[in-house]
Amino acid sequence: MIGVDLGAQGYVVARVDKVLPRPPVPGGDAALVGQYTQAWTDAELQAYLAALRTRYKVKINEDVVAEGAASSPGS
């Protein structure tokens, strides 16, 4: 059983009788595994960079970053 508070609309109680697997994906799960791996790697990289910034007290000057992005080739 699960319940969900809908605020002013009331409360819903539901019972899950069966959980079905998702339909197979044409071509297999390789693309999904690749997307998951990329997302996980990106999250780990962001956490690592945040830890380095904290440890070494790095301050990023957003004005210089924006200026560099505006003057980069291809912009």
PDB file of N, CA and C in Angstrom:
ATOM      1  N   MET A   1       0.840  -1.173   0.000  1.00  0.00           N
ATOM      2  CA  MET A   1       0.000   0.000   0.000  1.00  0.00           C
ATOM      3  C   MET A   1       0.890   1.242   0.000  1.00  0.00           C
ATOM      4  N   ILE A   2       0.407   2.227  -0.682  1.00  0.00           N
ATOM      5  CA  ILE A   2       1.104   3.509  -0.731  1.00  0.00           C
ATOM      6  C   ILE A   2       0.053   4.609  -0.663  1.00  0.00           C
ATOM      7  N   GLY A   3       0.390   5.681  -0.022  1.00  0.00           N
ATOM      8  CA  GLY A   3      -0.516   6.811   0.063  1.00  0.00           C
ATOM      9  C   GLY A   3       0.171   8.074  -0.404  1.00  0.00           C
ATOM     10  N   VAL A   4      -0.598   8.940  -1.048  1.00  0.00           N
ATOM     11  CA  VAL A   4      -0.062  10.197  -1.555  1.00  0.00           C
ATOM     12  C   VAL A   4      -0.991  11.327  -1.128  1.00  0.00           C
ATOM     13  N   ASP A   5      -0.422  12.313  -0.438  1.00  0.00           N
ATOM     14  CA  ASP A   5      -1.199  13.480  -0.017  1.00  0.00           C
ATOM     15  C   ASP A   5      -1.332  14.430  -1.203  1.00  0.00           C
ATOM     16  N   LEU A   6      -2.554  14.742  -1.587  1.00  0.00           N
ATOM     17  CA  LEU A   6      -2.812  15.636  -2.712  1.00  0.00           C
ATOM     18  C   LEU A   6      -3.160  17.043  -2.242  1.00  0.00           C
ATOM     19  N   GLY A   7      -2.847  17.346  -1.017  1.00  0.00           N
ATOM     20  CA  GLY A   7      -3.118  18.683  -0.493  1.00  0.00           C
ATOM     21  C   GLY A   7      -4.610  18.917  -0.356  1.00  0.00           C
ATOM     22  N   ALA A   8      -5.097  19.991  -0.953  1.00  0.00           N
ATOM     23  CA  ALA A   8      -6.502  20.376  -0.853  1.00  0.00           C
ATOM     24  C   ALA A   8      -7.429  19.368  -1.530  1.00  0.00           C
ATOM     25  N   GLN A   9      -6.896  18.546  -2.438  1.00  0.00           N
ATOM     26  CA  GLN A   9      -7.720  17.576  -3.160  1.00  0.00           C
ATOM     27  C   GLN A   9      -7.933  16.292  -2.376  1.00  0.00           C
ATOM     28  N   GLY A  10      -7.215  16.104  -1.284  1.00  0.00           N
ATOM     29  CA  GLY A  10      -7.416  14.918  -0.468  1.00  0.00           C
ATOM     30  C   GLY A  10      -6.202  14.022  -0.409  1.00  0.00           C
ATOM     31  N   TYR A  11      -6.439  12.734  -0.293  1.00  0.00           N
ATOM     32  CA  TYR A  11      -5.386  11.740  -0.110  1.00  0.00           C
ATOM     33  C   TYR A  11      -5.730  10.524  -0.965  1.00  0.00           C
ATOM     34  N   VAL A  12      -4.750   9.960  -1.644  1.00  0.00           N
ATOM     35  CA  VAL A  12      -4.967   8.788  -2.494  1.00  0.00           C
ATOM     36  C   VAL A  12      -4.229   7.603  -1.876  1.00  0.00           C
ATOM     37  N   VAL A  13      -4.921   6.480  -1.786  1.00  0.00           N
ATOM     38  CA  VAL A  13      -4.307   5.241  -1.321  1.00  0.00           C
ATOM     39  C   VAL A  13      -4.315   4.275  -2.492  1.00  0.00           C
ATOM     40  N   ALA A  14      -3.158   3.663  -2.759  1.00  0.00           N
ATOM     41  CA  ALA A  14      -3.063   2.730  -3.879  1.00  0.00           C
ATOM     42  C   ALA A  14      -2.376   1.448  -3.418  1.00  0.00           C
ATOM     43  N   ARG A  15      -2.731   0.361  -4.070  1.00  0.00           N
ATOM     44  CA  ARG A  15      -2.087  -0.915  -3.804  1.00  0.00           C
ATOM     45  C   ARG A  15      -1.461  -1.398  -5.110  1.00  0.00           C
ATOM     46  N   VAL A  16      -0.189  -1.736  -5.065  1.00  0.00           N
ATOM     47  CA  VAL A  16       0.505  -2.247  -6.246  1.00  0.00           C
ATOM     48  C   VAL A  16       0.437  -3.760  -6.188  1.00  0.00           C
ATOM     49  N   ASP A  17      -0.229  -4.340  -7.166  1.00  0.00           N
ATOM     50  CA  ASP A  17      -0.375  -5.794  -7.208  1.00  0.00           C
ATOM     51  C   ASP A  17       0.768  -6.470  -7.956  1.00  0.00           C
ATOM     52  N   LYS A  18       1.279  -5.789  -8.966  1.00  0.00           N
ATOM     53  CA  LYS A  18       2.286  -6.421  -9.798  1.00  0.00           C
ATOM     54  C   LYS A  18       3.140  -5.349 -10.458  1.00  0.00           C
ATOM     55  N   VAL A  19       4.439  -5.600 -10.532  1.00  0.00           N
ATOM     56  CA  VAL A  19       5.356  -4.703 -11.232  1.00  0.00           C
ATOM     57  C   VAL A  19       5.838  -5.442 -12.471  1.00  0.00           C
ATOM     58  N   LEU A  20       5.591  -4.851 -13.630  1.00  0.00           N
ATOM     59  CA  LEU A  20       5.971  -5.479 -14.896  1.00  0.00           C
ATOM     60  C   LEU A  20       7.264  -4.868 -15.411  1.00  0.00           C
ATOM     61  N   PRO A  21       8.098  -5.674 -16.052  1.00  0.00           N
ATOM     62  CA  PRO A  21       9.324  -5.119 -16.649  1.00  0.00           C
ATOM     63  C   PRO A  21       8.967  -4.247 -17.844  1.00  0.00           C
ATOM     64  N   ARG A  22       9.843  -3.329 -18.161  1.00  0.00           N
ATOM     65  CA  ARG A  22       9.616  -2.482 -19.328  1.00  0.00           C
ATOM     66  C   ARG A  22       9.779  -3.308 -20.597  1.00  0.00           C
ATOM     67  N   PRO A  23       9.178  -2.849 -21.671  1.00  0.00           N
ATOM     68  CA  PRO A  23       9.338  -3.588 -22.930  1.00  0.00           C
ATOM     69  C   PRO A  23      10.798  -3.537 -23.394  1.00  0.00           C
ATOM     70  N   PRO A  24      11.246  -4.579 -24.084  1.00  0.00           N
ATOM     71  CA  PRO A  24      12.628  -4.576 -24.563  1.00  0.00           C
ATOM     72  C   PRO A  24      12.877  -3.422 -25.541  1.00  0.00           C
ATOM     73  N   VAL A  25      14.077  -2.890 -25.473  1.00  0.00           N
ATOM     74  CA  VAL A  25      14.470  -1.786 -26.337  1.00  0.00           C
ATOM     75  C   VAL A  25      15.110  -2.365 -27.594  1.00  0.00           C
ATOM     76  N   PRO A  26      14.672  -1.917 -28.790  1.00  0.00           N
ATOM     77  CA  PRO A  26      15.324  -2.411 -30.011  1.00  0.00           C
ATOM     78  C   PRO A  26      16.819  -2.109 -29.981  1.00  0.00           C
ATOM     79  N   GLY A  27      17.618  -3.079 -30.254  1.00  0.00           N
ATOM     80  CA  GLY A  27      19.065  -2.892 -30.241  1.00  0.00           C
ATOM     81  C   GLY A  27      19.687  -3.161 -28.885  1.00  0.00           C
ATOM     82  N   GLY A  28      18.890  -3.511 -27.911  1.00  0.00           N
ATOM     83  CA  GLY A  28      19.424  -3.839 -26.591  1.00  0.00           C
ATOM     84  C   GLY A  28      19.594  -2.625 -25.698  1.00  0.00           C
ATOM     85  N   ASP A  29      20.264  -2.841 -24.598  1.00  0.00           N
ATOM     86  CA  ASP A  29      20.430  -1.803 -23.581  1.00  0.00           C
ATOM     87  C   ASP A  29      21.766  -1.072 -23.687  1.00  0.00           C
ATOM     88  N   ALA A  30      22.541  -1.323 -24.709  1.00  0.00           N
ATOM     89  CA  ALA A  30      23.873  -0.719 -24.810  1.00  0.00           C
ATOM     90  C   ALA A  30      23.802   0.807 -24.793  1.00  0.00           C
ATOM     91  N   ALA A  31      22.847   1.395 -25.505  1.00  0.00           N
ATOM     92  CA  ALA A  31      22.736   2.855 -25.539  1.00  0.00           C
ATOM     93  C   ALA A  31      22.354   3.392 -24.164  1.00  0.00           C
ATOM     94  N   LEU A  32      21.448   2.706 -23.467  1.00  0.00           N
ATOM     95  CA  LEU A  32      21.047   3.138 -22.129  1.00  0.00           C
ATOM     96  C   LEU A  32      22.202   3.030 -21.144  1.00  0.00           C
ATOM     97  N   VAL A  33      22.963   1.955 -21.246  1.00  0.00           N
ATOM     98  CA  VAL A  33      24.117   1.785 -20.372  1.00  0.00           C
ATOM     99  C   VAL A  33      25.134   2.899 -20.632  1.00  0.00           C
ATOM    100  N   GLY A  34      25.331   3.241 -21.893  1.00  0.00           N
ATOM    101  CA  GLY A  34      26.255   4.328 -22.230  1.00  0.00           C
ATOM    102  C   GLY A  34      25.792   5.657 -21.684  1.00  0.00           C
ATOM    103  N   GLN A  35      24.489   5.942 -21.773  1.00  0.00           N
ATOM    104  CA  GLN A  35      23.959   7.195 -21.235  1.00  0.00           C
ATOM    105  C   GLN A  35      24.097   7.233 -19.721  1.00  0.00           C
ATOM    106  N   TYR A  36      23.800   6.118 -19.069  1.00  0.00           N
ATOM    107  CA  TYR A  36      23.927   6.056 -17.615  1.00  0.00           C
ATOM    108  C   TYR A  36      25.383   6.250 -17.195  1.00  0.00           C
ATOM    109  N   THR A  37      26.281   5.586 -17.899  1.00  0.00           N
ATOM    110  CA  THR A  37      27.705   5.713 -17.588  1.00  0.00           C
ATOM    111  C   THR A  37      28.167   7.155 -17.747  1.00  0.00           C
ATOM    112  N   GLN A  38      27.735   7.821 -18.804  1.00  0.00           N
ATOM    113  CA  GLN A  38      28.112   9.212 -19.041  1.00  0.00           C
ATOM    114  C   GLN A  38      27.571  10.117 -17.940  1.00  0.00           C
ATOM    115  N   ALA A  39      26.313   9.907 -17.559  1.00  0.00           N
ATOM    116  CA  ALA A  39      25.710  10.730 -16.504  1.00  0.00           C
ATOM    117  C   ALA A  39      26.429  10.519 -15.175  1.00  0.00           C
ATOM    118  N   TRP A  40      26.738   9.266 -14.854  1.00  0.00           N
ATOM    119  CA  TRP A  40      27.431   8.960 -13.603  1.00  0.00           C
ATOM    120  C   TRP A  40      28.836   9.567 -13.608  1.00  0.00           C
ATOM    121  N   THR A  41      29.534   9.435 -14.716  1.00  0.00           N
ATOM    122  CA  THR A  41      30.884   9.987 -14.826  1.00  0.00           C
ATOM    123  C   THR A  41      30.860  11.499 -14.670  1.00  0.00           C
ATOM    124  N   ASP A  42      29.885  12.162 -15.285  1.00  0.00           N
ATOM    125  CA  ASP A  42      29.768  13.609 -15.175  1.00  0.00           C
ATOM    126  C   ASP A  42      29.510  14.026 -13.727  1.00  0.00           C
ATOM    127  N   ALA A  43      28.629  13.296 -13.038  1.00  0.00           N
ATOM    128  CA  ALA A  43      28.333  13.614 -11.639  1.00  0.00           C
ATOM    129  C   ALA A  43      29.573  13.431 -10.772  1.00  0.00           C
ATOM    130  N   GLU A  44      30.322  12.374 -11.003  1.00  0.00           N
ATOM    131  CA  GLU A  44      31.544  12.134 -10.238  1.00  0.00           C
ATOM    132  C   GLU A  44      32.586  13.220 -10.504  1.00  0.00           C
ATOM    133  N   LEU A  45      32.711  13.628 -11.759  1.00  0.00           N
ATOM    134  CA  LEU A  45      33.655  14.686 -12.114  1.00  0.00           C
ATOM    135  C   LEU A  45      33.287  15.998 -11.437  1.00  0.00           C
ATOM    136  N   GLN A  46      31.997  16.347 -11.472  1.00  0.00           N
ATOM    137  CA  GLN A  46      31.549  17.589 -10.835  1.00  0.00           C
ATOM    138  C   GLN A  46      31.814  17.558  -9.331  1.00  0.00           C
ATOM    139  N   ALA A  47      31.575  16.415  -8.688  1.00  0.00           N
ATOM    140  CA  ALA A  47      31.836  16.285  -7.252  1.00  0.00           C
ATOM    141  C   ALA A  47      33.330  16.407  -6.960  1.00  0.00           C
ATOM    142  N   TYR A  48      34.165  15.796  -7.799  1.00  0.00           N
ATOM    143  CA  TYR A  48      35.615  15.873  -7.617  1.00  0.00           C
ATOM    144  C   TYR A  48      36.109  17.306  -7.767  1.00  0.00           C
ATOM    145  N   LEU A  49      35.624  17.992  -8.806  1.00  0.00           N
ATOM    146  CA  LEU A  49      36.038  19.381  -9.007  1.00  0.00           C
ATOM    147  C   LEU A  49      35.566  20.271  -7.865  1.00  0.00           C
ATOM    148  N   ALA A  50      34.366  20.043  -7.358  1.00  0.00           N
ATOM    149  CA  ALA A  50      33.862  20.816  -6.217  1.00  0.00           C
ATOM    150  C   ALA A  50      34.735  20.583  -4.992  1.00  0.00           C
ATOM    151  N   ALA A  51      35.154  19.338  -4.776  1.00  0.00           N
ATOM    152  CA  ALA A  51      36.029  19.035  -3.644  1.00  0.00           C
ATOM    153  C   ALA A  51      37.382  19.729  -3.797  1.00  0.00           C
ATOM    154  N   LEU A  52      37.927  19.727  -5.001  1.00  0.00           N
ATOM    155  CA  LEU A  52      39.201  20.422  -5.233  1.00  0.00           C
ATOM    156  C   LEU A  52      39.061  21.927  -5.008  1.00  0.00           C
ATOM    157  N   ARG A  53      37.965  22.507  -5.497  1.00  0.00           N
ATOM    158  CA  ARG A  53      37.744  23.944  -5.315  1.00  0.00           C
ATOM    159  C   ARG A  53      37.655  24.294  -3.838  1.00  0.00           C
ATOM    160  N   THR A  54      37.004  23.442  -3.072  1.00  0.00           N
ATOM    161  CA  THR A  54      36.880  23.682  -1.631  1.00  0.00           C
ATOM    162  C   THR A  54      38.225  23.514  -0.943  1.00  0.00           C
ATOM    163  N   ARG A  55      38.919  22.451  -1.270  1.00  0.00           N
ATOM    164  CA  ARG A  55      40.194  22.154  -0.602  1.00  0.00           C
ATOM    165  C   ARG A  55      41.238  23.231  -0.863  1.00  0.00           C
ATOM    166  N   TYR A  56      41.299  23.709  -2.099  1.00  0.00           N
ATOM    167  CA  TYR A  56      42.330  24.688  -2.455  1.00  0.00           C
ATOM    168  C   TYR A  56      41.788  26.104  -2.513  1.00  0.00           C
ATOM    169  N   LYS A  57      40.559  26.299  -2.016  1.00  0.00           N
ATOM    170  CA  LYS A  57      39.931  27.613  -1.916  1.00  0.00           C
ATOM    171  C   LYS A  57      39.980  28.380  -3.245  1.00  0.00           C
ATOM    172  N   VAL A  58      39.548  27.706  -4.295  1.00  0.00           N
ATOM    173  CA  VAL A  58      39.527  28.297  -5.626  1.00  0.00           C
ATOM    174  C   VAL A  58      38.313  29.211  -5.746  1.00  0.00           C
ATOM    175  N   LYS A  59      38.541  30.379  -6.327  1.00  0.00           N
ATOM    176  CA  LYS A  59      37.438  31.287  -6.613  1.00  0.00           C
ATOM    177  C   LYS A  59      37.445  31.530  -8.116  1.00  0.00           C
ATOM    178  N   ILE A  60      36.312  31.285  -8.767  1.00  0.00           N
ATOM    179  CA  ILE A  60      36.212  31.449 -10.205  1.00  0.00           C
ATOM    180  C   ILE A  60      35.653  32.830 -10.498  1.00  0.00           C
ATOM    181  N   ASN A  61      36.387  33.587 -11.293  1.00  0.00           N
ATOM    182  CA  ASN A  61      35.946  34.918 -11.680  1.00  0.00           C
ATOM    183  C   ASN A  61      35.057  34.771 -12.913  1.00  0.00           C
ATOM    184  N   GLU A  62      33.750  34.852 -12.705  1.00  0.00           N
ATOM    185  CA  GLU A  62      32.784  34.622 -13.787  1.00  0.00           C
ATOM    186  C   GLU A  62      32.923  35.638 -14.919  1.00  0.00           C
ATOM    187  N   ASP A  63      33.366  36.874 -14.599  1.00  0.00           N
ATOM    188  CA  ASP A  63      33.545  37.881 -15.644  1.00  0.00           C
ATOM    189  C   ASP A  63      34.633  37.459 -16.630  1.00  0.00           C
ATOM    190  N   VAL A  64      35.713  36.910 -16.116  1.00  0.00           N
ATOM    191  CA  VAL A  64      36.802  36.469 -16.990  1.00  0.00           C
ATOM    192  C   VAL A  64      36.362  35.246 -17.803  1.00  0.00           C
ATOM    193  N   VAL A  65      35.601  34.355 -17.195  1.00  0.00           N
ATOM    194  CA  VAL A  65      35.116  33.172 -17.903  1.00  0.00           C
ATOM    195  C   VAL A  65      34.203  33.614 -19.042  1.00  0.00           C
ATOM    196  N   ALA A  66      33.280  34.528 -18.777  1.00  0.00           N
ATOM    197  CA  ALA A  66      32.372  35.011 -19.803  1.00  0.00           C
ATOM    198  C   ALA A  66      33.124  35.740 -20.905  1.00  0.00           C
ATOM    199  N   GLU A  67      34.122  36.519 -20.524  1.00  0.00           N
ATOM    200  CA  GLU A  67      34.930  37.234 -21.509  1.00  0.00           C
ATOM    201  C   GLU A  67      35.693  36.255 -22.400  1.00  0.00           C
ATOM    202  N   GLY A  68      36.238  35.214 -21.809  1.00  0.00           N
ATOM    203  CA  GLY A  68      36.968  34.210 -22.574  1.00  0.00           C
ATOM    204  C   GLY A  68      36.045  33.452 -23.515  1.00  0.00           C
ATOM    205  N   ALA A  69      34.839  33.158 -23.078  1.00  0.00           N
ATOM    206  CA  ALA A  69      33.886  32.444 -23.918  1.00  0.00           C
ATOM    207  C   ALA A  69      33.432  33.323 -25.093  1.00  0.00           C
ATOM    208  N   ALA A  70      33.313  34.619 -24.838  1.00  0.00           N
ATOM    209  CA  ALA A  70      32.874  35.531 -25.906  1.00  0.00           C
ATOM    210  C   ALA A  70      33.954  35.720 -26.962  1.00  0.00           C
ATOM    211  N   SER A  71      35.207  35.643 -26.548  1.00  0.00           N
ATOM    212  CA  SER A  71      36.278  35.887 -27.508  1.00  0.00           C
ATOM    213  C   SER A  71      36.855  34.598 -28.101  1.00  0.00           C
ATOM    214  N   SER A  72      36.308  33.440 -27.714  1.00  0.00           N
ATOM    215  CA  SER A  72      36.848  32.182 -28.233  1.00  0.00           C
ATOM    216  C   SER A  72      36.435  32.011 -29.693  1.00  0.00           C
ATOM    217  N   PRO A  73      37.266  31.304 -30.479  1.00  0.00           N
ATOM    218  CA  PRO A  73      36.928  31.066 -31.876  1.00  0.00           C
ATOM    219  C   PRO A  73      35.661  30.243 -31.992  1.00  0.00           C
ATOM    220  N   GLY A  74      34.864  30.549 -32.985  1.00  0.00           N
ATOM    221  CA  GLY A  74      33.617  29.840 -33.187  1.00  0.00           C
ATOM    222  C   GLY A  74      32.434  30.468 -32.484  1.00  0.00           C
ATOM    223  N   SER A  75      32.663  31.559 -31.747  1.00  0.00           N
ATOM    224  CA  SER A  75      31.560  32.221 -31.047  1.00  0.00           C
ATOM    225  C   SER A  75      31.031  33.355 -31.870  1.00  0.00           C
TER     226      SER A  75
END
